[in-house]
């Protein structure tokens, strides 16, 4: 009876350790995802700024052609 209880406790401990390891992997993946999302957002802002600047250049050239 004691041996079965000890085996169940060992099994529970192993399961808990596996769950903690999986949680750590998930947390690391989420942090990488957040970092990638920030990089994409920064890139989008840079592209939008570049497009604004190009629009201004085109508008200035159009006004100068008149």
PDB file of N, CA and C in Angstrom:
ATOM      1  N   UNK A   1       0.827  -1.196   0.000  1.00  0.00           N
ATOM      2  CA  UNK A   1       0.000   0.000   0.000  1.00  0.00           C
ATOM      3  C   UNK A   1       0.873   1.263   0.000  1.00  0.00           C
ATOM      4  N   UNK A   2       1.887   1.272   0.850  1.00  0.00           N
ATOM      5  CA  UNK A   2       2.778   2.433   0.917  1.00  0.00           C
ATOM      6  C   UNK A   2       3.555   2.585  -0.385  1.00  0.00           C
ATOM      7  N   UNK A   3       3.953   1.459  -0.963  1.00  0.00           N
ATOM      8  CA  UNK A   3       4.730   1.495  -2.200  1.00  0.00           C
ATOM      9  C   UNK A   3       3.888   2.099  -3.333  1.00  0.00           C
ATOM     10  N   UNK A   4       2.620   1.726  -3.418  1.00  0.00           N
ATOM     11  CA  UNK A   4       1.725   2.251  -4.455  1.00  0.00           C
ATOM     12  C   UNK A   4       1.554   3.753  -4.266  1.00  0.00           C
ATOM     13  N   UNK A   5       1.387   4.184  -3.014  1.00  0.00           N
ATOM     14  CA  UNK A   5       1.251   5.615  -2.724  1.00  0.00           C
ATOM     15  C   UNK A   5       2.507   6.376  -3.110  1.00  0.00           C
ATOM     16  N   UNK A   6       3.660   5.798  -2.814  1.00  0.00           N
ATOM     17  CA  UNK A   6       4.930   6.442  -3.151  1.00  0.00           C
ATOM     18  C   UNK A   6       5.092   6.532  -4.662  1.00  0.00           C
ATOM     19  N   UNK A   7       4.688   5.475  -5.367  1.00  0.00           N
ATOM     20  CA  UNK A   7       4.778   5.501  -6.829  1.00  0.00           C
ATOM     21  C   UNK A   7       3.856   6.577  -7.405  1.00  0.00           C
ATOM     22  N   UNK A   8       2.680   6.730  -6.830  1.00  0.00           N
ATOM     23  CA  UNK A   8       1.749   7.758  -7.308  1.00  0.00           C
ATOM     24  C   UNK A   8       2.295   9.159  -7.046  1.00  0.00           C
ATOM     25  N   UNK A   9       2.919   9.335  -5.875  1.00  0.00           N
ATOM     26  CA  UNK A   9       3.528  10.632  -5.583  1.00  0.00           C
ATOM     27  C   UNK A   9       4.669  10.922  -6.558  1.00  0.00           C
ATOM     28  N   UNK A  10       5.471   9.902  -6.845  1.00  0.00           N
ATOM     29  CA  UNK A  10       6.557  10.082  -7.823  1.00  0.00           C
ATOM     30  C   UNK A  10       5.991  10.442  -9.193  1.00  0.00           C
ATOM     31  N   UNK A  11       4.930   9.760  -9.571  1.00  0.00           N
ATOM     32  CA  UNK A  11       4.292  10.032 -10.866  1.00  0.00           C
ATOM     33  C   UNK A  11       3.733  11.454 -10.898  1.00  0.00           C
ATOM     34  N   UNK A  12       3.108  11.865  -9.806  1.00  0.00           N
ATOM     35  CA  UNK A  12       2.566  13.224  -9.721  1.00  0.00           C
ATOM     36  C   UNK A  12       3.689  14.253  -9.818  1.00  0.00           C
ATOM     37  N   UNK A  13       4.790  14.017  -9.100  1.00  0.00           N
ATOM     38  CA  UNK A  13       5.932  14.936  -9.143  1.00  0.00           C
ATOM     39  C   UNK A  13       6.497  15.023 -10.563  1.00  0.00           C
ATOM     40  N   UNK A  14       6.634  13.871 -11.218  1.00  0.00           N
ATOM     41  CA  UNK A  14       7.142  13.869 -12.593  1.00  0.00           C
ATOM     42  C   UNK A  14       6.213  14.647 -13.525  1.00  0.00           C
ATOM     43  N   UNK A  15       4.925  14.457 -13.346  1.00  0.00           N
ATOM     44  CA  UNK A  15       3.949  15.182 -14.178  1.00  0.00           C
ATOM     45  C   UNK A  15       4.032  16.681 -13.939  1.00  0.00           C
ATOM     46  N   UNK A  16       4.167  17.065 -12.674  1.00  0.00           N
ATOM     47  CA  UNK A  16       4.272  18.482 -12.353  1.00  0.00           C
ATOM     48  C   UNK A  16       5.545  19.084 -12.938  1.00  0.00           C
ATOM     49  N   UNK A  17       6.639  18.357 -12.885  1.00  0.00           N
ATOM     50  CA  UNK A  17       7.894  18.859 -13.445  1.00  0.00           C
ATOM     51  C   UNK A  17       7.792  18.999 -14.960  1.00  0.00           C
ATOM     52  N   UNK A  18       7.124  18.041 -15.608  1.00  0.00           N
ATOM     53  CA  UNK A  18       6.930  18.129 -17.055  1.00  0.00           C
ATOM     54  C   UNK A  18       6.065  19.328 -17.406  1.00  0.00           C
ATOM     55  N   UNK A  19       5.022  19.563 -16.607  1.00  0.00           N
ATOM     56  CA  UNK A  19       4.144  20.713 -16.848  1.00  0.00           C
ATOM     57  C   UNK A  19       4.909  22.021 -16.671  1.00  0.00           C
ATOM     58  N   UNK A  20       5.762  22.088 -15.649  1.00  0.00           N
ATOM     59  CA  UNK A  20       6.562  23.298 -15.431  1.00  0.00           C
ATOM     60  C   UNK A  20       7.526  23.523 -16.593  1.00  0.00           C
ATOM     61  N   UNK A  21       8.123  22.453 -17.089  1.00  0.00           N
ATOM     62  CA  UNK A  21       9.050  22.579 -18.230  1.00  0.00           C
ATOM     63  C   UNK A  21       8.287  23.072 -19.454  1.00  0.00           C
ATOM     64  N   UNK A  22       7.104  22.513 -19.684  1.00  0.00           N
ATOM     65  CA  UNK A  22       6.293  22.947 -20.829  1.00  0.00           C
ATOM     66  C   UNK A  22       5.891  24.406 -20.678  1.00  0.00           C
ATOM     67  N   UNK A  23       5.554  24.810 -19.474  1.00  0.00           N
ATOM     68  CA  UNK A  23       5.197  26.215 -19.234  1.00  0.00           C
ATOM     69  C   UNK A  23       6.376  27.129 -19.531  1.00  0.00           C
ATOM     70  N   UNK A  24       7.568  26.691 -19.158  1.00  0.00           N
ATOM     71  CA  UNK A  24       8.763  27.486 -19.439  1.00  0.00           C
ATOM     72  C   UNK A  24       9.004  27.630 -20.932  1.00  0.00           C
ATOM     73  N   UNK A  25       8.793  26.550 -21.666  1.00  0.00           N
ATOM     74  CA  UNK A  25       8.958  26.590 -23.125  1.00  0.00           C
ATOM     75  C   UNK A  25       7.923  27.533 -23.728  1.00  0.00           C
ATOM     76  N   UNK A  26       6.692  27.438 -23.246  1.00  0.00           N
ATOM     77  CA  UNK A  26       5.633  28.311 -23.765  1.00  0.00           C
ATOM     78  C   UNK A  26       5.930  29.777 -23.459  1.00  0.00           C
ATOM     79  N   UNK A  27       6.418  30.047 -22.261  1.00  0.00           N
ATOM     80  CA  UNK A  27       6.743  31.427 -21.897  1.00  0.00           C
ATOM     81  C   UNK A  27       7.860  31.962 -22.785  1.00  0.00           C
ATOM     82  N   UNK A  28       8.865  31.153 -23.043  1.00  0.00           N
ATOM     83  CA  UNK A  28       9.967  31.587 -23.909  1.00  0.00           C
ATOM     84  C   UNK A  28       9.465  31.849 -25.327  1.00  0.00           C
ATOM     85  N   UNK A  29       8.581  30.988 -25.806  1.00  0.00           N
ATOM     86  CA  UNK A  29       8.023  31.180 -27.155  1.00  0.00           C
ATOM     87  C   UNK A  29       7.197  32.455 -27.217  1.00  0.00           C
ATOM     88  N   UNK A  30       6.445  32.733 -26.168  1.00  0.00           N
ATOM     89  CA  UNK A  30       5.637  33.955 -26.137  1.00  0.00           C
ATOM     90  C   UNK A  30       6.528  35.194 -26.132  1.00  0.00           C
ATOM     91  N   UNK A  31       7.631  35.146 -25.410  1.00  0.00           N
ATOM     92  CA  UNK A  31       8.549  36.283 -25.385  1.00  0.00           C
ATOM     93  C   UNK A  31       9.174  36.510 -26.759  1.00  0.00           C
ATOM     94  N   UNK A  32       9.540  35.415 -27.437  1.00  0.00           N
ATOM     95  CA  UNK A  32      10.088  35.550 -28.794  1.00  0.00           C
ATOM     96  C   UNK A  32       9.034  36.130 -29.736  1.00  0.00           C
ATOM     97  N   UNK A  33       7.795  35.687 -29.574  1.00  0.00           N
ATOM     98  CA  UNK A  33       6.712  36.185 -30.424  1.00  0.00           C
ATOM     99  C   UNK A  33       6.495  37.681 -30.187  1.00  0.00           C
ATOM    100  N   UNK A  34       6.490  38.101 -28.923  1.00  0.00           N
ATOM    101  CA  UNK A  34       6.324  39.523 -28.612  1.00  0.00           C
ATOM    102  C   UNK A  34       7.447  40.347 -29.218  1.00  0.00           C
ATOM    103  N   UNK A  35       8.664  39.832 -29.141  1.00  0.00           N
ATOM    104  CA  UNK A  35       9.812  40.544 -29.712  1.00  0.00           C
ATOM    105  C   UNK A  35       9.650  40.679 -31.222  1.00  0.00           C
ATOM    106  N   UNK A  36       9.240  39.598 -31.869  1.00  0.00           N
ATOM    107  CA  UNK A  36       9.039  39.642 -33.319  1.00  0.00           C
ATOM    108  C   UNK A  36       7.921  40.620 -33.677  1.00  0.00           C
ATOM    109  N   UNK A  37       6.871  40.651 -32.887  1.00  0.00           N
ATOM    110  CA  UNK A  37       5.762  41.572 -33.152  1.00  0.00           C
ATOM    111  C   UNK A  37       6.217  43.025 -33.009  1.00  0.00           C
ATOM    112  N   UNK A  38       7.066  43.293 -32.025  1.00  0.00           N
ATOM    113  CA  UNK A  38       7.598  44.656 -31.867  1.00  0.00           C
ATOM    114  C   UNK A  38       8.453  45.039 -33.067  1.00  0.00           C
ATOM    115  N   UNK A  39       9.268  44.091 -33.535  1.00  0.00           N
ATOM    116  CA  UNK A  39      10.110  44.369 -34.703  1.00  0.00           C
ATOM    117  C   UNK A  39       9.250  44.668 -35.931  1.00  0.00           C
ATOM    118  N   UNK A  40       8.180  43.907 -36.119  1.00  0.00           N
ATOM    119  CA  UNK A  40       7.288  44.141 -37.254  1.00  0.00           C
ATOM    120  C   UNK A  40       6.611  45.500 -37.127  1.00  0.00           C
ATOM    121  N   UNK A  41       6.162  45.842 -35.921  1.00  0.00           N
ATOM    122  CA  UNK A  41       5.513  47.140 -35.704  1.00  0.00           C
ATOM    123  C   UNK A  41       6.489  48.278 -35.998  1.00  0.00           C
ATOM    124  N   UNK A  42       7.732  48.139 -35.561  1.00  0.00           N
ATOM    125  CA  UNK A  42       8.746  49.164 -35.842  1.00  0.00           C
ATOM    126  C   UNK A  42       8.983  49.290 -37.341  1.00  0.00           C
ATOM    127  N   UNK A  43       9.060  48.141 -38.027  1.00  0.00           N
ATOM    128  CA  UNK A  43       9.264  48.143 -39.475  1.00  0.00           C
ATOM    129  C   UNK A  43       8.088  48.812 -40.179  1.00  0.00           C
ATOM    130  N   UNK A  44       6.856  48.504 -39.727  1.00  0.00           N
ATOM    131  CA  UNK A  44       5.671  49.122 -40.331  1.00  0.00           C
ATOM    132  C   UNK A  44       5.700  50.640 -40.162  1.00  0.00           C
ATOM    133  N   UNK A  45       6.105  51.112 -38.986  1.00  0.00           N
ATOM    134  CA  UNK A  45       6.192  52.553 -38.762  1.00  0.00           C
ATOM    135  C   UNK A  45       7.227  53.188 -39.687  1.00  0.00           C
ATOM    136  N   UNK A  46       8.357  52.507 -39.853  1.00  0.00           N
ATOM    137  CA  UNK A  46       9.405  53.034 -40.742  1.00  0.00           C
ATOM    138  C   UNK A  46       8.901  53.090 -42.184  1.00  0.00           C
ATOM    139  N   UNK A  47       8.184  52.069 -42.621  1.00  0.00           N
ATOM    140  CA  UNK A  47       7.644  52.049 -43.984  1.00  0.00           C
ATOM    141  C   UNK A  47       6.618  53.160 -44.158  1.00  0.00           C
ATOM    142  N   UNK A  48       5.751  53.341 -43.179  1.00  0.00           N
ATOM    143  CA  UNK A  48       4.743  54.402 -43.269  1.00  0.00           C
ATOM    144  C   UNK A  48       5.398  55.778 -43.352  1.00  0.00           C
ATOM    145  N   UNK A  49       6.428  55.988 -42.570  1.00  0.00           N
ATOM    146  CA  UNK A  49       7.142  57.264 -42.599  1.00  0.00           C
ATOM    147  C   UNK A  49       7.780  57.489 -43.968  1.00  0.00           C
ATOM    148  N   UNK A  50       8.381  56.425 -44.515  1.00  0.00           N
ATOM    149  CA  UNK A  50       8.999  56.535 -45.830  1.00  0.00           C
ATOM    150  C   UNK A  50       7.949  56.861 -46.898  1.00  0.00           C
ATOM    151  N   UNK A  51       6.793  56.238 -46.791  1.00  0.00           N
ATOM    152  CA  UNK A  51       5.727  56.494 -47.761  1.00  0.00           C
ATOM    153  C   UNK A  51       5.234  57.942 -47.659  1.00  0.00           C
ATOM    154  N   UNK A  52       5.149  58.459 -46.431  1.00  0.00           N
ATOM    155  CA  UNK A  52       4.759  59.866 -46.249  1.00  0.00           C
ATOM    156  C   UNK A  52       5.769  60.793 -46.919  1.00  0.00           C
ATOM    157  N   UNK A  53       7.045  60.507 -46.687  1.00  0.00           N
ATOM    158  CA  UNK A  53       8.093  61.331 -47.279  1.00  0.00           C
ATOM    159  C   UNK A  53       8.036  61.277 -48.805  1.00  0.00           C
ATOM    160  N   UNK A  54       7.828  60.083 -49.365  1.00  0.00           N
ATOM    161  CA  UNK A  54       7.729  59.955 -50.813  1.00  0.00           C
ATOM    162  C   UNK A  54       6.507  60.710 -51.356  1.00  0.00           C
ATOM    163  N   UNK A  55       5.410  60.636 -50.633  1.00  0.00           N
ATOM    164  CA  UNK A  55       4.211  61.366 -51.053  1.00  0.00           C
ATOM    165  C   UNK A  55       4.468  62.869 -51.082  1.00  0.00           C
ATOM    166  N   UNK A  56       5.204  63.358 -50.093  1.00  0.00           N
ATOM    167  CA  UNK A  56       5.527  64.782 -50.053  1.00  0.00           C
ATOM    168  C   UNK A  56       6.416  65.167 -51.232  1.00  0.00           C
ATOM    169  N   UNK A  57       7.391  64.326 -51.539  1.00  0.00           N
ATOM    170  CA  UNK A  57       8.288  64.603 -52.665  1.00  0.00           C
ATOM    171  C   UNK A  57       7.485  64.638 -53.964  1.00  0.00           C
ATOM    172  N   UNK A  58       6.593  63.663 -54.149  1.00  0.00           N
ATOM    173  CA  UNK A  58       5.776  63.619 -55.360  1.00  0.00           C
ATOM    174  C   UNK A  58       4.868  64.842 -55.425  1.00  0.00           C
ATOM    175  N   UNK A  59       4.271  65.213 -54.310  1.00  0.00           N
ATOM    176  CA  UNK A  59       3.386  66.377 -54.281  1.00  0.00           C
ATOM    177  C   UNK A  59       4.163  67.651 -54.603  1.00  0.00           C
ATOM    178  N   UNK A  60       5.369  67.777 -54.071  1.00  0.00           N
ATOM    179  CA  UNK A  60       6.190  68.948 -54.347  1.00  0.00           C
ATOM    180  C   UNK A  60       6.568  69.005 -55.823  1.00  0.00           C
ATOM    181  N   UNK A  61       6.891  67.838 -56.403  1.00  0.00           N
ATOM    182  CA  UNK A  61       7.246  67.808 -57.820  1.00  0.00           C
ATOM    183  C   UNK A  61       6.029  68.154 -58.686  1.00  0.00           C
ATOM    184  N   UNK A  62       4.862  67.682 -58.289  1.00  0.00           N
ATOM    185  CA  UNK A  62       3.636  68.000 -59.029  1.00  0.00           C
ATOM    186  C   UNK A  62       3.354  69.492 -58.956  1.00  0.00           C
ATOM    187  N   UNK A  63       3.546  70.072 -57.794  1.00  0.00           N
ATOM    188  CA  UNK A  63       3.317  71.520 -57.642  1.00  0.00           C
ATOM    189  C   UNK A  63       4.349  72.331 -58.431  1.00  0.00           C
ATOM    190  N   UNK A  64       5.572  71.842 -58.486  1.00  0.00           N
ATOM    191  CA  UNK A  64       6.617  72.536 -59.229  1.00  0.00           C
ATOM    192  C   UNK A  64       6.409  72.448 -60.746  1.00  0.00           C
ATOM    193  N   UNK A  65       5.737  71.397 -61.187  1.00  0.00           N
ATOM    194  CA  UNK A  65       5.508  71.211 -62.626  1.00  0.00           C
ATOM    195  C   UNK A  65       4.417  72.122 -63.149  1.00  0.00           C
ATOM    196  N   UNK A  66       3.607  72.635 -62.226  1.00  0.00           N
ATOM    197  CA  UNK A  66       2.505  73.485 -62.664  1.00  0.00           C
ATOM    198  C   UNK A  66       2.995  74.850 -62.967  1.00  0.00           C
TER     199      UNK A  66
END
